[in-house]
Amino acid sequence: MTWGEIMARILYPSLFIVFLLLISLSLPQPSYAGGLISTDMEVEIGKSARDEILSENELWEDPYDNELVQKLAEAVLPFCDQRDIEYEFYVIKSDEINAFALPGGFIFVTNGLLDFANRDPGLIAGVLAHEIGHVALRHHKKSMEDALWQNLGLAVLFQAFDIDEEWIQIAGGAALLLVQQGYSRENEYEADRHGVRATYRAGFDPETGLVEFLGMVEEKYGSDNDLGDVGRSLQSHPDTDRRVFFAENYLTELKAAEEFQPQPFPEIEAKPASDEDVYPEDEDKPGQYVIYQGNKD
């Protein structure tokens, strides 16, 4: 089943309400529309969307791949823009090259993306930092608040009443639709800059990382591709070649402004050539882990 088919199955029951919620995303958001959705509510919406994703997908249980993603997330997260939330990282089983973030800090990557990146730490760290950027920069939250403001009745409901589980599920469906339809051009550029900056400051080789990953996507699949968030280019999104161009320019500016300081990274056990004994029976099921990130002083 493709990602489009999965999203359709998840979203179909509440598509009409979700459509009403999101139909006006293209309208400008007044400055006083911010704050309609609290951080706690954003996390609850993200949890609902996460549960829907996990109900339709298997976790990728390779302990070597999970350790790789976990340690890279731990290495790059301190250099990301800070929010007082817990980030959860999931590796899901899919041959598709995909990575995406949900509201509240739920980050997903596929084993297909790990294959495409040849499990290169710099490339994967760049992808993770890009996805963390969408959460850290509150892209989901702002988009949902924008939609709520344009649908003032829903905004009043969210502000005036305790939102029950059904409403959270509907909002979770809206969040999934946001992920499926993609982000605005500026949101993608912002997340790209965040990914480049975080991996640079974390000490990853600046010649690799997100810039190289986007270049690989463009070279193999073309600029106007239909891959996941980090490679996708829909009607409202910048083509991958433009993202590579702007990311390279930003990296040049960053090098001129900040001295690069390579960092030692914990060793990550190499994945064996054979798949035998990859799933020890006495270990807990891998595929998900939580990293707490508090606010900076």
C-alpha atoms as a PDB file:
ATOM      1  CA  MET A   1       0.000   0.000   0.000  1.00  0.00           C
ATOM      2  CA  THR A   2       1.361   3.420  -0.966  1.00  0.00           C
ATOM      3  CA  TRP A   3       1.500   6.413   1.366  1.00  0.00           C
ATOM      4  CA  GLY A   4      -1.332   8.046  -0.574  1.00  0.00           C
ATOM      5  CA  GLU A   5      -3.553   4.988  -0.059  1.00  0.00           C
ATOM      6  CA  ILE A   6      -2.654   4.843   3.643  1.00  0.00           C
ATOM      7  CA  MET A   7      -3.476   8.517   4.137  1.00  0.00           C
ATOM      8  CA  ALA A   8      -6.762   8.131   2.259  1.00  0.00           C
ATOM      9  CA  ARG A   9      -7.864   5.263   4.529  1.00  0.00           C
ATOM     10  CA  ILE A  10      -6.936   7.225   7.637  1.00  0.00           C
ATOM     11  CA  LEU A  11      -8.532  10.483   6.580  1.00  0.00           C
ATOM     12  CA  TYR A  12     -11.714   9.368   4.791  1.00  0.00           C
ATOM     13  CA  PRO A  13     -14.119   9.283   7.795  1.00  0.00           C
ATOM     14  CA  SER A  14     -13.532  12.922   8.707  1.00  0.00           C
ATOM     15  CA  LEU A  15     -12.540  14.399   5.350  1.00  0.00           C
ATOM     16  CA  PHE A  16     -15.484  16.788   5.200  1.00  0.00           C
ATOM     17  CA  ILE A  17     -14.716  18.345   8.583  1.00  0.00           C
ATOM     18  CA  VAL A  18     -11.016  18.363   7.831  1.00  0.00           C
ATOM     19  CA  PHE A  19     -11.764  20.064   4.523  1.00  0.00           C
ATOM     20  CA  LEU A  20     -13.701  22.805   6.310  1.00  0.00           C
ATOM     21  CA  LEU A  21     -10.815  23.193   8.704  1.00  0.00           C
ATOM     22  CA  LEU A  22      -8.151  23.530   6.003  1.00  0.00           C
ATOM     23  CA  ILE A  23      -9.920  25.085   3.020  1.00  0.00           C
ATOM     24  CA  SER A  24      -8.711  28.598   3.844  1.00  0.00           C
ATOM     25  CA  LEU A  25      -5.027  27.889   4.487  1.00  0.00           C
ATOM     26  CA  SER A  26      -4.051  30.204   1.651  1.00  0.00           C
ATOM     27  CA  LEU A  27      -5.541  33.244   3.406  1.00  0.00           C
ATOM     28  CA  PRO A  28      -3.264  35.438   5.526  1.00  0.00           C
ATOM     29  CA  GLN A  29      -3.237  34.791   9.257  1.00  0.00           C
ATOM     30  CA  PRO A  30      -3.700  37.839  11.511  1.00  0.00           C
ATOM     31  CA  SER A  31      -1.016  38.208  14.144  1.00  0.00           C
ATOM     32  CA  TYR A  32      -3.539  37.738  16.947  1.00  0.00           C
ATOM     33  CA  ALA A  33      -4.595  34.305  15.629  1.00  0.00           C
ATOM     34  CA  GLY A  34      -1.532  32.751  17.268  1.00  0.00           C
ATOM     35  CA  GLY A  35      -2.128  30.954  20.541  1.00  0.00           C
ATOM     36  CA  LEU A  36      -5.381  29.252  19.575  1.00  0.00           C
ATOM     37  CA  ILE A  37      -3.661  25.878  19.969  1.00  0.00           C
ATOM     38  CA  SER A  38      -1.604  25.312  23.107  1.00  0.00           C
ATOM     39  CA  THR A  39       1.518  23.175  23.107  1.00  0.00           C
ATOM     40  CA  ASP A  40      -0.326  20.506  25.109  1.00  0.00           C
ATOM     41  CA  MET A  41      -3.125  20.441  22.534  1.00  0.00           C
ATOM     42  CA  GLU A  42      -0.601  20.293  19.692  1.00  0.00           C
ATOM     43  CA  VAL A  43       0.994  17.244  21.315  1.00  0.00           C
ATOM     44  CA  GLU A  44      -2.396  15.545  21.769  1.00  0.00           C
ATOM     45  CA  ILE A  45      -3.251  16.188  18.123  1.00  0.00           C
ATOM     46  CA  GLY A  46       0.115  14.754  17.137  1.00  0.00           C
ATOM     47  CA  LYS A  47      -0.448  11.672  19.292  1.00  0.00           C
ATOM     48  CA  SER A  48      -3.756  11.011  17.556  1.00  0.00           C
ATOM     49  CA  ALA A  49      -2.097  11.313  14.148  1.00  0.00           C
ATOM     50  CA  ARG A  50       0.799   9.133  15.331  1.00  0.00           C
ATOM     51  CA  ASP A  51      -1.579   6.397  16.461  1.00  0.00           C
ATOM     52  CA  GLU A  52      -3.259   6.420  13.061  1.00  0.00           C
ATOM     53  CA  ILE A  53       0.097   6.092  11.304  1.00  0.00           C
ATOM     54  CA  LEU A  54       1.173   3.230  13.565  1.00  0.00           C
ATOM     55  CA  SER A  55      -2.150   1.429  13.054  1.00  0.00           C
ATOM     56  CA  GLU A  56      -1.452   1.324   9.310  1.00  0.00           C
ATOM     57  CA  ASN A  57       2.283   0.598   9.382  1.00  0.00           C
ATOM     58  CA  GLU A  58       4.725  -1.888  10.880  1.00  0.00           C
ATOM     59  CA  LEU A  59       7.721  -0.724  12.863  1.00  0.00           C
ATOM     60  CA  TRP A  60      11.050  -1.581  11.270  1.00  0.00           C
ATOM     61  CA  GLU A  61      12.599  -3.908  13.832  1.00  0.00           C
ATOM     62  CA  ASP A  62      16.217  -3.898  12.701  1.00  0.00           C
ATOM     63  CA  PRO A  63      18.174  -3.001  15.876  1.00  0.00           C
ATOM     64  CA  TYR A  64      21.148  -1.660  13.899  1.00  0.00           C
ATOM     65  CA  ASP A  65      19.023   0.786  11.919  1.00  0.00           C
ATOM     66  CA  ASN A  66      17.163   1.856  15.052  1.00  0.00           C
ATOM     67  CA  GLU A  67      20.407   2.500  16.916  1.00  0.00           C
ATOM     68  CA  LEU A  68      21.647   4.545  13.965  1.00  0.00           C
ATOM     69  CA  VAL A  69      18.587   6.804  13.941  1.00  0.00           C
ATOM     70  CA  GLN A  70      18.506   7.070  17.744  1.00  0.00           C
ATOM     71  CA  LYS A  71      22.137   8.128  18.096  1.00  0.00           C
ATOM     72  CA  LEU A  72      21.927  10.582  15.209  1.00  0.00           C
ATOM     73  CA  ALA A  73      18.809  12.149  16.719  1.00  0.00           C
ATOM     74  CA  GLU A  74      20.580  12.461  20.061  1.00  0.00           C
ATOM     75  CA  ALA A  75      23.590  14.065  18.348  1.00  0.00           C
ATOM     76  CA  VAL A  76      21.688  16.669  16.337  1.00  0.00           C
ATOM     77  CA  LEU A  77      18.795  17.567  18.666  1.00  0.00           C
ATOM     78  CA  PRO A  78      20.790  19.804  21.075  1.00  0.00           C
ATOM     79  CA  PHE A  79      21.693  22.029  18.112  1.00  0.00           C
ATOM     80  CA  CYS A  80      18.113  22.392  16.886  1.00  0.00           C
ATOM     81  CA  ASP A  81      15.812  25.259  17.773  1.00  0.00           C
ATOM     82  CA  GLN A  82      14.461  24.451  21.204  1.00  0.00           C
ATOM     83  CA  ARG A  83      10.958  23.601  22.386  1.00  0.00           C
ATOM     84  CA  ASP A  84       9.865  22.200  25.748  1.00  0.00           C
ATOM     85  CA  ILE A  85       8.560  18.916  24.360  1.00  0.00           C
ATOM     86  CA  GLU A  86       9.517  15.275  24.056  1.00  0.00           C
ATOM     87  CA  TYR A  87      10.486  14.165  20.562  1.00  0.00           C
ATOM     88  CA  GLU A  88       9.578  10.643  19.527  1.00  0.00           C
ATOM     89  CA  PHE A  89      11.400   9.005  16.621  1.00  0.00           C
ATOM     90  CA  TYR A  90       9.989   6.048  14.717  1.00  0.00           C
ATOM     91  CA  VAL A  91      11.466   3.840  12.009  1.00  0.00           C
ATOM     92  CA  ILE A  92       8.674   2.279   9.978  1.00  0.00           C
ATOM     93  CA  LYS A  93       8.772  -0.511   7.443  1.00  0.00           C
ATOM     94  CA  SER A  94       8.378   0.815   3.923  1.00  0.00           C
ATOM     95  CA  ASP A  95      10.418   0.675   0.729  1.00  0.00           C
ATOM     96  CA  GLU A  96       9.345   4.235  -0.078  1.00  0.00           C
ATOM     97  CA  ILE A  97      11.879   7.011   0.481  1.00  0.00           C
ATOM     98  CA  ASN A  98      10.054   9.050   3.073  1.00  0.00           C
ATOM     99  CA  ALA A  99      10.439  11.046   6.254  1.00  0.00           C
ATOM    100  CA  PHE A 100       7.898  13.316   7.901  1.00  0.00           C
ATOM    101  CA  ALA A 101       7.053  15.077  11.142  1.00  0.00           C
ATOM    102  CA  LEU A 102       3.750  15.368  12.992  1.00  0.00           C
ATOM    103  CA  PRO A 103       2.666  18.119  15.380  1.00  0.00           C
ATOM    104  CA  GLY A 104       4.109  17.818  18.851  1.00  0.00           C
ATOM    105  CA  GLY A 105       7.424  16.196  17.933  1.00  0.00           C
ATOM    106  CA  PHE A 106       6.638  12.820  16.330  1.00  0.00           C
ATOM    107  CA  ILE A 107       9.257  12.101  13.648  1.00  0.00           C
ATOM    108  CA  PHE A 108       9.052   9.192  11.191  1.00  0.00           C
ATOM    109  CA  VAL A 109      11.608   7.786   8.759  1.00  0.00           C
ATOM    110  CA  THR A 110      11.326   4.703   6.576  1.00  0.00           C
ATOM    111  CA  ASN A 111      13.858   1.957   6.082  1.00  0.00           C
ATOM    112  CA  GLY A 112      13.575   2.836   2.383  1.00  0.00           C
ATOM    113  CA  LEU A 113      15.088   6.232   3.141  1.00  0.00           C
ATOM    114  CA  LEU A 114      17.897   4.587   5.134  1.00  0.00           C
ATOM    115  CA  ASP A 115      18.591   2.345   2.128  1.00  0.00           C
ATOM    116  CA  PHE A 116      18.607   5.319  -0.260  1.00  0.00           C
ATOM    117  CA  ALA A 117      21.026   7.235   1.988  1.00  0.00           C
ATOM    118  CA  ASN A 118      23.263   4.157   2.290  1.00  0.00           C
ATOM    119  CA  ARG A 119      22.961   4.661   6.049  1.00  0.00           C
ATOM    120  CA  ASP A 120      25.366   7.585   5.832  1.00  0.00           C
ATOM    121  CA  PRO A 121      25.248   9.407   9.209  1.00  0.00           C
ATOM    122  CA  GLY A 122      25.573  12.893   7.718  1.00  0.00           C
ATOM    123  CA  LEU A 123      22.760  12.377   5.216  1.00  0.00           C
ATOM    124  CA  ILE A 124      20.377  10.897   7.769  1.00  0.00           C
ATOM    125  CA  ALA A 125      21.221  13.552  10.377  1.00  0.00           C
ATOM    126  CA  GLY A 126      20.362  16.221   7.807  1.00  0.00           C
ATOM    127  CA  VAL A 127      16.983  14.628   7.133  1.00  0.00           C
ATOM    128  CA  LEU A 128      16.228  14.340  10.869  1.00  0.00           C
ATOM    129  CA  ALA A 129      17.213  17.962  11.473  1.00  0.00           C
ATOM    130  CA  HIS A 130      14.957  19.054   8.612  1.00  0.00           C
ATOM    131  CA  GLU A 131      11.975  17.206  10.089  1.00  0.00           C
ATOM    132  CA  ILE A 132      12.723  18.456  13.613  1.00  0.00           C
ATOM    133  CA  GLY A 133      12.754  21.935  12.079  1.00  0.00           C
ATOM    134  CA  HIS A 134       9.108  21.686  11.033  1.00  0.00           C
ATOM    135  CA  VAL A 135       8.194  21.025  14.684  1.00  0.00           C
ATOM    136  CA  ALA A 136      10.672  23.443  16.259  1.00  0.00           C
ATOM    137  CA  LEU A 137       9.531  26.247  13.955  1.00  0.00           C
ATOM    138  CA  ARG A 138       5.874  25.422  14.712  1.00  0.00           C
ATOM    139  CA  HIS A 139       4.861  24.942  11.091  1.00  0.00           C
ATOM    140  CA  HIS A 140       1.998  22.544  11.889  1.00  0.00           C
ATOM    141  CA  LYS A 141       0.766  24.677  14.786  1.00  0.00           C
ATOM    142  CA  LYS A 142       0.730  27.873  12.737  1.00  0.00           C
ATOM    143  CA  SER A 143      -1.038  26.210   9.807  1.00  0.00           C
ATOM    144  CA  MET A 144      -3.739  24.758  12.065  1.00  0.00           C
ATOM    145  CA  GLU A 145      -4.185  28.077  13.875  1.00  0.00           C
ATOM    146  CA  ASP A 146      -4.478  29.816  10.525  1.00  0.00           C
ATOM    147  CA  ALA A 147      -7.210  27.403   9.450  1.00  0.00           C
ATOM    148  CA  LEU A 148      -9.008  27.739  12.781  1.00  0.00           C
ATOM    149  CA  TRP A 149      -8.976  31.506  12.563  1.00  0.00           C
ATOM    150  CA  GLN A 150     -10.470  31.474   9.092  1.00  0.00           C
ATOM    151  CA  ASN A 151     -13.160  29.119  10.437  1.00  0.00           C
ATOM    152  CA  LEU A 152     -13.985  31.274  13.437  1.00  0.00           C
ATOM    153  CA  GLY A 153     -16.671  28.932  14.774  1.00  0.00           C
ATOM    154  CA  LEU A 154     -14.137  26.130  15.194  1.00  0.00           C
ATOM    155  CA  ALA A 155     -11.718  28.550  16.813  1.00  0.00           C
ATOM    156  CA  VAL A 156     -14.366  29.535  19.367  1.00  0.00           C
ATOM    157  CA  LEU A 157     -15.022  25.868  20.108  1.00  0.00           C
ATOM    158  CA  PHE A 158     -11.335  25.200  20.672  1.00  0.00           C
ATOM    159  CA  GLN A 159     -10.994  28.210  22.951  1.00  0.00           C
ATOM    160  CA  ALA A 160     -14.242  27.995  24.910  1.00  0.00           C
ATOM    161  CA  PHE A 161     -14.642  24.282  25.616  1.00  0.00           C
ATOM    162  CA  ASP A 162     -12.607  21.320  26.731  1.00  0.00           C
ATOM    163  CA  ILE A 163     -11.957  19.466  23.497  1.00  0.00           C
ATOM    164  CA  ASP A 164     -12.942  15.818  23.789  1.00  0.00           C
ATOM    165  CA  GLU A 165     -11.204  12.836  22.247  1.00  0.00           C
ATOM    166  CA  GLU A 166     -13.344  12.917  19.103  1.00  0.00           C
ATOM    167  CA  TRP A 167     -12.284  16.474  18.325  1.00  0.00           C
ATOM    168  CA  ILE A 168      -8.650  15.589  18.937  1.00  0.00           C
ATOM    169  CA  GLN A 169      -8.997  12.700  16.459  1.00  0.00           C
ATOM    170  CA  ILE A 170     -10.514  15.036  13.881  1.00  0.00           C
ATOM    171  CA  ALA A 171      -7.686  17.496  14.413  1.00  0.00           C
ATOM    172  CA  GLY A 172      -5.249  14.594  14.119  1.00  0.00           C
ATOM    173  CA  GLY A 173      -6.777  13.807  10.734  1.00  0.00           C
ATOM    174  CA  ALA A 174      -6.299  17.441   9.772  1.00  0.00           C
ATOM    175  CA  ALA A 175      -2.655  17.221  10.810  1.00  0.00           C
ATOM    176  CA  LEU A 176      -2.173  14.142   8.604  1.00  0.00           C
ATOM    177  CA  LEU A 177      -3.761  15.977   5.698  1.00  0.00           C
ATOM    178  CA  LEU A 178      -1.343  18.850   6.270  1.00  0.00           C
ATOM    179  CA  VAL A 179       1.550  16.393   6.090  1.00  0.00           C
ATOM    180  CA  GLN A 180       0.137  14.752   2.966  1.00  0.00           C
ATOM    181  CA  GLN A 181      -0.454  18.004   1.085  1.00  0.00           C
ATOM    182  CA  GLY A 182       2.916  19.308   2.182  1.00  0.00           C
ATOM    183  CA  TYR A 183       4.248  22.583   3.496  1.00  0.00           C
ATOM    184  CA  SER A 184       4.459  26.003   1.937  1.00  0.00           C
ATOM    185  CA  ARG A 185       7.548  27.067   0.023  1.00  0.00           C
ATOM    186  CA  GLU A 186       8.724  29.238   2.889  1.00  0.00           C
ATOM    187  CA  ASN A 187       8.168  26.447   5.425  1.00  0.00           C
ATOM    188  CA  GLU A 188      10.309  24.094   3.341  1.00  0.00           C
ATOM    189  CA  TYR A 189      13.056  26.668   2.953  1.00  0.00           C
ATOM    190  CA  GLU A 190      12.971  27.358   6.695  1.00  0.00           C
ATOM    191  CA  ALA A 191      13.187  23.652   7.538  1.00  0.00           C
ATOM    192  CA  ASP A 192      16.040  23.245   5.043  1.00  0.00           C
ATOM    193  CA  ARG A 193      17.964  26.116   6.652  1.00  0.00           C
ATOM    194  CA  HIS A 194      17.269  24.625  10.077  1.00  0.00           C
ATOM    195  CA  GLY A 195      18.565  21.233   8.925  1.00  0.00           C
ATOM    196  CA  VAL A 196      21.737  22.716   7.432  1.00  0.00           C
ATOM    197  CA  ARG A 197      22.394  24.884  10.507  1.00  0.00           C
ATOM    198  CA  ALA A 198      21.757  22.152  13.092  1.00  0.00           C
ATOM    199  CA  THR A 199      23.976  19.553  11.413  1.00  0.00           C
ATOM    200  CA  TYR A 200      26.736  22.124  10.804  1.00  0.00           C
ATOM    201  CA  ARG A 201      26.754  23.146  14.458  1.00  0.00           C
ATOM    202  CA  ALA A 202      26.531  19.504  15.538  1.00  0.00           C
ATOM    203  CA  GLY A 203      29.840  18.908  13.769  1.00  0.00           C
ATOM    204  CA  PHE A 204      28.757  16.852  10.764  1.00  0.00           C
ATOM    205  CA  ASP A 205      30.818  17.301   7.611  1.00  0.00           C
ATOM    206  CA  PRO A 206      29.277  20.409   5.992  1.00  0.00           C
ATOM    207  CA  GLU A 207      29.853  18.965   2.519  1.00  0.00           C
ATOM    208  CA  THR A 208      27.434  16.167   3.317  1.00  0.00           C
ATOM    209  CA  GLY A 209      24.112  16.308   5.104  1.00  0.00           C
ATOM    210  CA  LEU A 210      20.858  17.750   3.838  1.00  0.00           C
ATOM    211  CA  VAL A 211      22.397  19.577   0.857  1.00  0.00           C
ATOM    212  CA  GLU A 212      23.908  16.348  -0.465  1.00  0.00           C
ATOM    213  CA  PHE A 213      20.741  14.380   0.254  1.00  0.00           C
ATOM    214  CA  LEU A 214      18.589  16.826  -1.730  1.00  0.00           C
ATOM    215  CA  GLY A 215      21.147  16.682  -4.534  1.00  0.00           C
ATOM    216  CA  MET A 216      20.929  12.883  -4.567  1.00  0.00           C
ATOM    217  CA  VAL A 217      17.121  13.077  -4.786  1.00  0.00           C
ATOM    218  CA  GLU A 218      17.298  15.548  -7.648  1.00  0.00           C
ATOM    219  CA  GLU A 219      19.909  13.517  -9.534  1.00  0.00           C
ATOM    220  CA  LYS A 220      18.042  10.215  -9.305  1.00  0.00           C
ATOM    221  CA  TYR A 221      14.393  11.289  -9.396  1.00  0.00           C
ATOM    222  CA  GLY A 222      14.416  14.758 -10.918  1.00  0.00           C
ATOM    223  CA  SER A 223      13.472  18.061  -9.413  1.00  0.00           C
ATOM    224  CA  ASP A 224       9.685  17.727  -9.669  1.00  0.00           C
ATOM    225  CA  ASN A 225       9.480  14.436  -7.773  1.00  0.00           C
ATOM    226  CA  ASP A 226       6.729  12.894  -5.659  1.00  0.00           C
ATOM    227  CA  LEU A 227       8.818  11.519  -2.795  1.00  0.00           C
ATOM    228  CA  GLY A 228       8.217  12.165   0.885  1.00  0.00           C
ATOM    229  CA  ASP A 229       8.601  15.475   2.689  1.00  0.00           C
ATOM    230  CA  VAL A 230      12.344  15.942   2.210  1.00  0.00           C
ATOM    231  CA  GLY A 231      12.161  15.158  -1.509  1.00  0.00           C
ATOM    232  CA  ARG A 232       8.602  15.924  -2.469  1.00  0.00           C
ATOM    233  CA  SER A 233       7.766  18.844  -4.705  1.00  0.00           C
ATOM    234  CA  LEU A 234       4.033  19.490  -5.052  1.00  0.00           C
ATOM    235  CA  GLN A 235       2.301  22.381  -6.758  1.00  0.00           C
ATOM    236  CA  SER A 236       2.871  24.810  -3.876  1.00  0.00           C
ATOM    237  CA  HIS A 237       6.415  23.662  -3.128  1.00  0.00           C
ATOM    238  CA  PRO A 238       9.816  24.691  -4.397  1.00  0.00           C
ATOM    239  CA  ASP A 239      11.387  22.217  -6.819  1.00  0.00           C
ATOM    240  CA  THR A 240      14.278  20.251  -5.374  1.00  0.00           C
ATOM    241  CA  ASP A 241      16.855  22.052  -7.550  1.00  0.00           C
ATOM    242  CA  ARG A 242      15.810  25.384  -6.045  1.00  0.00           C
ATOM    243  CA  ARG A 243      16.021  23.899  -2.558  1.00  0.00           C
ATOM    244  CA  VAL A 244      19.535  22.642  -3.297  1.00  0.00           C
ATOM    245  CA  PHE A 245      20.495  26.088  -4.605  1.00  0.00           C
ATOM    246  CA  PHE A 246      19.220  27.971  -1.567  1.00  0.00           C
ATOM    247  CA  ALA A 247      20.558  25.380   0.904  1.00  0.00           C
ATOM    248  CA  GLU A 248      24.022  25.590  -0.676  1.00  0.00           C
ATOM    249  CA  ASN A 249      23.940  29.387  -0.487  1.00  0.00           C
ATOM    250  CA  TYR A 250      22.887  29.259   3.152  1.00  0.00           C
ATOM    251  CA  LEU A 251      25.695  26.817   3.952  1.00  0.00           C
ATOM    252  CA  THR A 252      28.191  29.208   2.322  1.00  0.00           C
ATOM    253  CA  GLU A 253      26.901  32.043   4.508  1.00  0.00           C
ATOM    254  CA  LEU A 254      27.075  29.835   7.581  1.00  0.00           C
ATOM    255  CA  LYS A 255      30.680  28.871   6.886  1.00  0.00           C
ATOM    256  CA  ALA A 256      31.608  32.538   6.583  1.00  0.00           C
ATOM    257  CA  ALA A 257      29.853  33.433   9.839  1.00  0.00           C
ATOM    258  CA  GLU A 258      30.739  30.475  12.065  1.00  0.00           C
ATOM    259  CA  GLU A 259      33.833  28.336  12.321  1.00  0.00           C
ATOM    260  CA  PHE A 260      33.110  24.678  11.714  1.00  0.00           C
ATOM    261  CA  GLN A 261      34.007  22.486  14.674  1.00  0.00           C
ATOM    262  CA  PRO A 262      33.887  18.757  13.989  1.00  0.00           C
ATOM    263  CA  GLN A 263      32.565  16.711  16.885  1.00  0.00           C
ATOM    264  CA  PRO A 264      33.358  13.154  17.957  1.00  0.00           C
ATOM    265  CA  PHE A 265      30.339  10.909  17.620  1.00  0.00           C
ATOM    266  CA  PRO A 266      29.575   7.685  19.463  1.00  0.00           C
ATOM    267  CA  GLU A 267      30.440   4.630  17.450  1.00  0.00           C
ATOM    268  CA  ILE A 268      27.505   2.974  15.745  1.00  0.00           C
ATOM    269  CA  GLU A 269      27.798  -0.755  15.252  1.00  0.00           C
ATOM    270  CA  ALA A 270      27.923  -1.648  11.581  1.00  0.00           C
ATOM    271  CA  LYS A 271      25.006  -3.572  10.181  1.00  0.00           C
ATOM    272  CA  PRO A 272      26.000  -7.161   9.259  1.00  0.00           C
ATOM    273  CA  ALA A 273      25.972  -8.189   5.617  1.00  0.00           C
ATOM    274  CA  SER A 274      23.468 -10.959   6.383  1.00  0.00           C
ATOM    275  CA  ASP A 275      20.009 -10.403   7.843  1.00  0.00           C
ATOM    276  CA  GLU A 276      20.420 -13.463  10.059  1.00  0.00           C
ATOM    277  CA  ASP A 277      20.266 -12.834  13.807  1.00  0.00           C
ATOM    278  CA  VAL A 278      19.194  -9.231  13.257  1.00  0.00           C
ATOM    279  CA  TYR A 279      16.177  -9.630  15.554  1.00  0.00           C
ATOM    280  CA  PRO A 280      17.290 -11.050  18.942  1.00  0.00           C
ATOM    281  CA  GLU A 281      14.295 -12.629  20.636  1.00  0.00           C
ATOM    282  CA  ASP A 282      15.267 -11.469  24.122  1.00  0.00           C
ATOM    283  CA  GLU A 283      15.325  -7.761  23.270  1.00  0.00           C
ATOM    284  CA  ASP A 284      12.426  -5.330  23.498  1.00  0.00           C
ATOM    285  CA  LYS A 285      10.803  -4.443  20.225  1.00  0.00           C
ATOM    286  CA  PRO A 286      12.760  -1.579  18.655  1.00  0.00           C
ATOM    287  CA  GLY A 287      11.448   1.084  16.336  1.00  0.00           C
ATOM    288  CA  GLN A 288      10.508   3.898  18.684  1.00  0.00           C
ATOM    289  CA  TYR A 289      12.287   5.979  21.265  1.00  0.00           C
ATOM    290  CA  VAL A 290      11.750   9.226  23.147  1.00  0.00           C
ATOM    291  CA  ILE A 291      14.209  12.084  23.598  1.00  0.00           C
ATOM    292  CA  TYR A 292      13.351  14.978  25.894  1.00  0.00           C
ATOM    293  CA  GLN A 293      14.244  18.466  24.802  1.00  0.00           C
ATOM    294  CA  GLY A 294      13.713  21.358  27.200  1.00  0.00           C
ATOM    295  CA  ASN A 295      13.917  25.077  26.594  1.00  0.00           C
ATOM    296  CA  LYS A 296      17.276  26.795  26.492  1.00  0.00           C
ATOM    297  CA  ASP A 297      17.967  29.274  29.281  1.00  0.00           C
END
